[in-house]
N, C-alpha and C. Protein backbone atom coordinates (compact mmCIF):
# COMPACT_ATOMS: atom_id res chain seq x y z
N UNK A 1 -11.13 0.31 -26.05
CA UNK A 1 -11.92 1.50 -26.31
C UNK A 1 -11.60 2.56 -25.26
N UNK A 2 -12.12 3.75 -25.51
CA UNK A 2 -11.88 4.85 -24.56
C UNK A 2 -12.54 4.59 -23.22
N UNK A 3 -13.70 3.96 -23.23
CA UNK A 3 -14.40 3.66 -21.97
C UNK A 3 -13.59 2.68 -21.13
N UNK A 4 -12.99 1.68 -21.78
CA UNK A 4 -12.16 0.72 -21.06
C UNK A 4 -10.91 1.39 -20.50
N UNK A 5 -10.31 2.27 -21.27
CA UNK A 5 -9.13 3.01 -20.80
C UNK A 5 -9.49 3.89 -19.61
N UNK A 6 -10.67 4.49 -19.64
CA UNK A 6 -11.11 5.33 -18.53
C UNK A 6 -11.29 4.49 -17.28
N UNK A 7 -11.87 3.30 -17.41
CA UNK A 7 -12.05 2.41 -16.26
C UNK A 7 -10.70 1.99 -15.69
N UNK A 8 -9.75 1.68 -16.57
CA UNK A 8 -8.41 1.30 -16.11
C UNK A 8 -7.72 2.47 -15.42
N UNK A 9 -7.83 3.66 -16.00
CA UNK A 9 -7.22 4.84 -15.39
C UNK A 9 -7.84 5.13 -14.02
N UNK A 10 -9.15 5.02 -13.93
CA UNK A 10 -9.84 5.25 -12.66
C UNK A 10 -9.41 4.22 -11.62
N UNK A 11 -9.31 2.96 -12.05
CA UNK A 11 -8.90 1.90 -11.13
C UNK A 11 -7.46 2.10 -10.69
N UNK A 12 -6.59 2.51 -11.59
CA UNK A 12 -5.20 2.79 -11.23
C UNK A 12 -5.13 3.94 -10.23
N UNK A 13 -5.87 5.00 -10.48
CA UNK A 13 -5.88 6.14 -9.56
C UNK A 13 -6.39 5.72 -8.18
N UNK A 14 -7.41 4.89 -8.15
CA UNK A 14 -7.97 4.41 -6.89
C UNK A 14 -6.93 3.58 -6.13
N UNK A 15 -6.23 2.70 -6.83
CA UNK A 15 -5.21 1.86 -6.20
C UNK A 15 -4.05 2.71 -5.69
N UNK A 16 -3.66 3.71 -6.45
CA UNK A 16 -2.58 4.61 -6.00
C UNK A 16 -3.01 5.38 -4.76
N UNK A 17 -4.25 5.85 -4.75
CA UNK A 17 -4.75 6.56 -3.57
C UNK A 17 -4.77 5.64 -2.36
N UNK A 18 -5.18 4.40 -2.56
CA UNK A 18 -5.21 3.44 -1.45
C UNK A 18 -3.81 3.21 -0.91
N UNK A 19 -2.84 3.02 -1.79
CA UNK A 19 -1.46 2.81 -1.36
C UNK A 19 -0.90 4.07 -0.70
N UNK A 20 -1.26 5.22 -1.22
CA UNK A 20 -0.76 6.48 -0.66
C UNK A 20 -1.24 6.68 0.77
N UNK A 21 -2.47 6.27 1.07
CA UNK A 21 -2.97 6.46 2.43
C UNK A 21 -2.11 5.71 3.45
N UNK A 22 -1.49 4.62 3.04
CA UNK A 22 -0.59 3.88 3.93
C UNK A 22 0.82 4.47 3.93
N UNK A 23 1.33 4.81 2.76
CA UNK A 23 2.74 5.14 2.61
C UNK A 23 3.09 6.60 2.87
N UNK A 24 2.12 7.50 2.82
CA UNK A 24 2.47 8.92 2.83
C UNK A 24 3.01 9.44 4.15
N UNK A 25 2.89 8.69 5.23
CA UNK A 25 3.45 9.13 6.50
C UNK A 25 4.97 9.13 6.47
N UNK A 26 5.54 8.12 5.88
CA UNK A 26 6.99 7.94 5.89
C UNK A 26 7.67 8.19 4.55
N UNK A 27 6.94 7.97 3.48
CA UNK A 27 7.58 7.94 2.17
C UNK A 27 7.08 9.04 1.25
N UNK A 28 7.93 9.39 0.30
CA UNK A 28 7.60 10.41 -0.71
C UNK A 28 6.76 9.74 -1.79
N UNK A 29 5.46 9.77 -1.61
CA UNK A 29 4.58 9.06 -2.53
C UNK A 29 4.52 9.71 -3.91
N UNK A 30 4.78 11.00 -3.98
CA UNK A 30 4.83 11.65 -5.30
C UNK A 30 5.97 11.05 -6.11
N UNK A 31 7.13 10.91 -5.48
CA UNK A 31 8.29 10.31 -6.15
C UNK A 31 8.05 8.83 -6.47
N UNK A 32 7.42 8.13 -5.54
CA UNK A 32 7.16 6.69 -5.74
C UNK A 32 6.30 6.45 -6.97
N UNK A 33 5.24 7.25 -7.13
CA UNK A 33 4.28 6.97 -8.19
C UNK A 33 4.49 7.77 -9.47
N UNK A 34 5.32 8.81 -9.43
CA UNK A 34 5.54 9.60 -10.65
C UNK A 34 7.01 9.65 -11.06
N UNK A 35 7.89 9.13 -10.23
CA UNK A 35 9.32 9.16 -10.55
C UNK A 35 9.67 8.26 -11.72
N UNK A 36 10.89 8.40 -12.20
CA UNK A 36 11.32 7.62 -13.36
C UNK A 36 11.66 6.18 -13.00
N UNK A 37 12.16 5.94 -11.78
CA UNK A 37 12.50 4.58 -11.36
C UNK A 37 11.34 4.00 -10.56
N UNK A 38 10.79 2.91 -11.06
CA UNK A 38 9.67 2.25 -10.40
C UNK A 38 10.18 1.08 -9.56
N UNK A 39 9.75 1.02 -8.32
CA UNK A 39 10.08 -0.09 -7.45
C UNK A 39 9.23 -1.28 -7.86
N UNK A 40 9.86 -2.42 -8.11
CA UNK A 40 9.12 -3.58 -8.62
C UNK A 40 8.10 -4.11 -7.61
N UNK A 41 8.39 -3.97 -6.33
CA UNK A 41 7.45 -4.40 -5.31
C UNK A 41 6.19 -3.52 -5.32
N UNK A 42 6.39 -2.22 -5.48
CA UNK A 42 5.25 -1.30 -5.56
C UNK A 42 4.41 -1.61 -6.80
N UNK A 43 5.06 -1.87 -7.92
CA UNK A 43 4.34 -2.19 -9.16
C UNK A 43 3.53 -3.47 -8.96
N UNK A 44 4.12 -4.48 -8.32
CA UNK A 44 3.42 -5.75 -8.10
C UNK A 44 2.18 -5.53 -7.22
N UNK A 45 2.36 -4.83 -6.09
CA UNK A 45 1.23 -4.61 -5.20
C UNK A 45 0.18 -3.69 -5.82
N UNK A 46 0.61 -2.71 -6.59
CA UNK A 46 -0.33 -1.85 -7.29
C UNK A 46 -1.17 -2.67 -8.27
N UNK A 47 -0.54 -3.56 -8.99
CA UNK A 47 -1.24 -4.44 -9.93
C UNK A 47 -2.23 -5.34 -9.20
N UNK A 48 -1.80 -5.91 -8.07
CA UNK A 48 -2.70 -6.78 -7.29
C UNK A 48 -3.92 -6.01 -6.80
N UNK A 49 -3.71 -4.80 -6.32
CA UNK A 49 -4.83 -3.99 -5.83
C UNK A 49 -5.76 -3.62 -6.99
N UNK A 50 -5.18 -3.24 -8.13
CA UNK A 50 -5.99 -2.90 -9.30
C UNK A 50 -6.84 -4.08 -9.75
N UNK A 51 -6.22 -5.25 -9.87
CA UNK A 51 -6.96 -6.43 -10.33
C UNK A 51 -8.08 -6.80 -9.37
N UNK A 52 -7.82 -6.68 -8.08
CA UNK A 52 -8.88 -6.94 -7.10
C UNK A 52 -10.06 -5.99 -7.31
N UNK A 53 -9.75 -4.70 -7.45
CA UNK A 53 -10.83 -3.72 -7.62
C UNK A 53 -11.57 -3.91 -8.95
N UNK A 54 -10.85 -4.29 -10.01
CA UNK A 54 -11.52 -4.57 -11.28
C UNK A 54 -12.48 -5.75 -11.15
N UNK A 55 -12.01 -6.82 -10.50
CA UNK A 55 -12.88 -7.98 -10.28
C UNK A 55 -14.09 -7.60 -9.43
N UNK A 56 -13.88 -6.75 -8.42
CA UNK A 56 -14.99 -6.39 -7.55
C UNK A 56 -16.02 -5.52 -8.27
N UNK A 57 -15.59 -4.81 -9.31
CA UNK A 57 -16.55 -4.02 -10.11
C UNK A 57 -17.34 -4.90 -11.06
N UNK A 58 -16.69 -5.93 -11.59
CA UNK A 58 -17.33 -6.78 -12.58
C UNK A 58 -18.26 -7.80 -11.92
N UNK A 59 -17.73 -8.52 -10.94
CA UNK A 59 -18.52 -9.57 -10.27
C UNK A 59 -18.15 -9.60 -8.79
N UNK A 60 -18.72 -8.70 -8.00
CA UNK A 60 -18.32 -8.61 -6.59
C UNK A 60 -18.55 -9.88 -5.77
N UNK A 61 -19.48 -10.70 -6.19
CA UNK A 61 -19.76 -11.94 -5.47
C UNK A 61 -18.94 -13.12 -6.00
N UNK A 62 -18.10 -12.88 -7.00
CA UNK A 62 -17.36 -13.97 -7.63
C UNK A 62 -15.89 -13.57 -7.87
N UNK A 63 -15.26 -13.01 -6.85
CA UNK A 63 -13.85 -12.62 -6.97
C UNK A 63 -13.01 -13.87 -6.75
N UNK A 64 -12.08 -14.17 -7.67
CA UNK A 64 -11.24 -15.36 -7.50
C UNK A 64 -10.46 -15.31 -6.19
N UNK A 65 -10.29 -16.47 -5.58
CA UNK A 65 -9.57 -16.58 -4.31
C UNK A 65 -8.15 -16.02 -4.42
N UNK A 66 -7.50 -16.24 -5.56
CA UNK A 66 -6.15 -15.71 -5.79
C UNK A 66 -6.14 -14.19 -5.66
N UNK A 67 -7.12 -13.52 -6.26
CA UNK A 67 -7.20 -12.05 -6.21
C UNK A 67 -7.41 -11.57 -4.78
N UNK A 68 -8.27 -12.27 -4.03
CA UNK A 68 -8.52 -11.89 -2.64
C UNK A 68 -7.24 -12.05 -1.82
N UNK A 69 -6.54 -13.17 -2.00
CA UNK A 69 -5.31 -13.42 -1.25
C UNK A 69 -4.23 -12.40 -1.60
N UNK A 70 -4.06 -12.11 -2.89
CA UNK A 70 -3.04 -11.15 -3.29
C UNK A 70 -3.37 -9.75 -2.78
N UNK A 71 -4.64 -9.38 -2.79
CA UNK A 71 -5.06 -8.08 -2.27
C UNK A 71 -4.79 -8.00 -0.76
N UNK A 72 -5.12 -9.07 -0.05
CA UNK A 72 -4.87 -9.11 1.39
C UNK A 72 -3.38 -9.01 1.69
N UNK A 73 -2.56 -9.72 0.91
CA UNK A 73 -1.11 -9.65 1.10
C UNK A 73 -0.59 -8.23 0.84
N UNK A 74 -1.12 -7.57 -0.16
CA UNK A 74 -0.70 -6.20 -0.47
C UNK A 74 -1.06 -5.28 0.68
N UNK A 75 -2.27 -5.39 1.20
CA UNK A 75 -2.69 -4.53 2.32
C UNK A 75 -1.87 -4.82 3.57
N UNK A 76 -1.57 -6.09 3.83
CA UNK A 76 -0.75 -6.44 4.99
C UNK A 76 0.64 -5.81 4.87
N UNK A 77 1.23 -5.89 3.68
CA UNK A 77 2.55 -5.31 3.47
C UNK A 77 2.51 -3.79 3.64
N UNK A 78 1.47 -3.16 3.10
CA UNK A 78 1.33 -1.71 3.23
C UNK A 78 1.20 -1.29 4.70
N UNK A 79 0.45 -2.06 5.48
CA UNK A 79 0.31 -1.77 6.91
C UNK A 79 1.65 -1.89 7.62
N UNK A 80 2.41 -2.93 7.29
CA UNK A 80 3.73 -3.10 7.90
C UNK A 80 4.67 -1.97 7.51
N UNK A 81 4.63 -1.56 6.27
CA UNK A 81 5.48 -0.45 5.82
C UNK A 81 5.08 0.84 6.52
N UNK A 82 3.79 1.06 6.66
CA UNK A 82 3.31 2.29 7.32
C UNK A 82 3.68 2.32 8.79
N UNK A 83 3.65 1.17 9.44
CA UNK A 83 3.94 1.10 10.88
C UNK A 83 5.43 0.97 11.19
N UNK A 84 6.26 0.81 10.15
CA UNK A 84 7.69 0.71 10.37
C UNK A 84 8.17 -0.69 10.71
N UNK A 85 7.35 -1.71 10.48
CA UNK A 85 7.75 -3.08 10.74
C UNK A 85 8.55 -3.69 9.60
N UNK A 86 8.53 -3.04 8.46
CA UNK A 86 9.35 -3.44 7.32
C UNK A 86 9.94 -2.17 6.72
N UNK A 87 11.09 -2.30 6.10
CA UNK A 87 11.79 -1.13 5.56
C UNK A 87 12.02 -1.27 4.07
N UNK A 88 11.01 -0.96 3.26
CA UNK A 88 11.18 -1.06 1.81
C UNK A 88 12.15 0.00 1.30
N UNK A 89 12.79 -0.30 0.20
CA UNK A 89 13.72 0.65 -0.41
C UNK A 89 12.94 1.66 -1.24
N UNK A 90 12.33 2.61 -0.53
CA UNK A 90 11.52 3.64 -1.16
C UNK A 90 12.05 4.99 -0.73
N UNK A 91 11.85 6.02 -1.56
CA UNK A 91 12.29 7.36 -1.17
C UNK A 91 11.49 7.87 0.02
N UNK A 92 12.21 8.31 1.05
CA UNK A 92 11.53 8.85 2.22
C UNK A 92 11.25 10.33 2.00
N UNK A 93 10.36 10.84 2.83
CA UNK A 93 10.04 12.26 2.75
C UNK A 93 11.28 13.06 3.15
N UNK A 94 11.64 14.03 2.34
CA UNK A 94 12.82 14.82 2.64
C UNK A 94 12.53 15.95 3.61
N UNK A 95 11.28 16.34 3.76
CA UNK A 95 10.94 17.47 4.64
C UNK A 95 10.80 17.07 6.09
N UNK A 96 10.75 15.78 6.40
CA UNK A 96 10.56 15.35 7.77
C UNK A 96 11.60 14.32 8.13
N UNK A 97 12.60 14.72 8.87
CA UNK A 97 13.67 13.81 9.28
C UNK A 97 13.29 13.04 10.54
N UNK A 98 12.22 13.42 11.21
CA UNK A 98 11.81 12.77 12.45
C UNK A 98 10.67 11.80 12.22
N UNK A 99 10.86 10.89 11.29
CA UNK A 99 9.84 9.89 11.00
C UNK A 99 9.81 8.91 12.16
N UNK A 100 8.64 8.67 12.75
CA UNK A 100 8.60 7.78 13.91
C UNK A 100 8.98 6.35 13.55
N UNK A 101 9.77 5.73 14.42
CA UNK A 101 10.16 4.34 14.24
C UNK A 101 9.47 3.55 15.33
N UNK A 102 8.76 2.55 14.94
CA UNK A 102 8.01 1.76 15.91
C UNK A 102 8.89 0.65 16.44
N UNK A 103 8.89 0.48 17.75
CA UNK A 103 9.65 -0.60 18.35
C UNK A 103 8.93 -1.08 19.59
N UNK A 104 9.34 -2.23 20.09
CA UNK A 104 8.73 -2.77 21.29
C UNK A 104 7.39 -3.42 21.00
N UNK A 105 6.63 -3.64 22.06
CA UNK A 105 5.31 -4.22 21.86
C UNK A 105 4.25 -3.25 22.37
N UNK A 106 3.03 -3.57 22.11
CA UNK A 106 1.95 -2.65 22.47
C UNK A 106 1.18 -3.11 23.70
N UNK A 107 1.63 -4.19 24.36
CA UNK A 107 0.89 -4.62 25.53
C UNK A 107 1.20 -3.72 26.73
N UNK A 108 0.16 -3.29 27.40
CA UNK A 108 0.38 -2.43 28.55
C UNK A 108 1.03 -3.19 29.70
N UNK A 109 1.86 -2.50 30.44
CA UNK A 109 2.51 -3.12 31.58
C UNK A 109 1.50 -3.23 32.71
N UNK A 110 1.37 -4.43 33.24
CA UNK A 110 0.38 -4.64 34.29
C UNK A 110 1.03 -4.84 35.65
N UNK A 111 2.28 -5.26 35.69
CA UNK A 111 2.98 -5.47 36.96
C UNK A 111 3.97 -4.34 37.16
N UNK A 112 3.90 -3.71 38.30
CA UNK A 112 4.78 -2.59 38.58
C UNK A 112 5.69 -2.94 39.77
N UNK A 113 6.50 -3.96 39.61
CA UNK A 113 7.43 -4.37 40.66
C UNK A 113 8.72 -3.62 40.48
N UNK A 114 9.24 -3.07 41.55
CA UNK A 114 10.50 -2.32 41.47
C UNK A 114 11.57 -2.99 42.28
């Protein structure tokens, strides 16, 4: 029905917005989500995020463990992609050639021996 299609469209938009908040620093999210070539990894994670959100709308206290795990895996991957710890084959932003690359560790140096 039209109501079901509206719920699916809303859930898809929500999942795309969630993914965009992670990916938009480094990647061309307009091309990723509206381009003609779809990355299969993006489609898989988008589906996982959508299914998690659909389950949470229907029965928030009864989300299957599989959906929770897949959603967590999707968010972990998005965080790694955003921080530069993984390099997915996605279109990068063409307007910014100085995309920060993360390297090293984040522990502060405590010993200052020279």
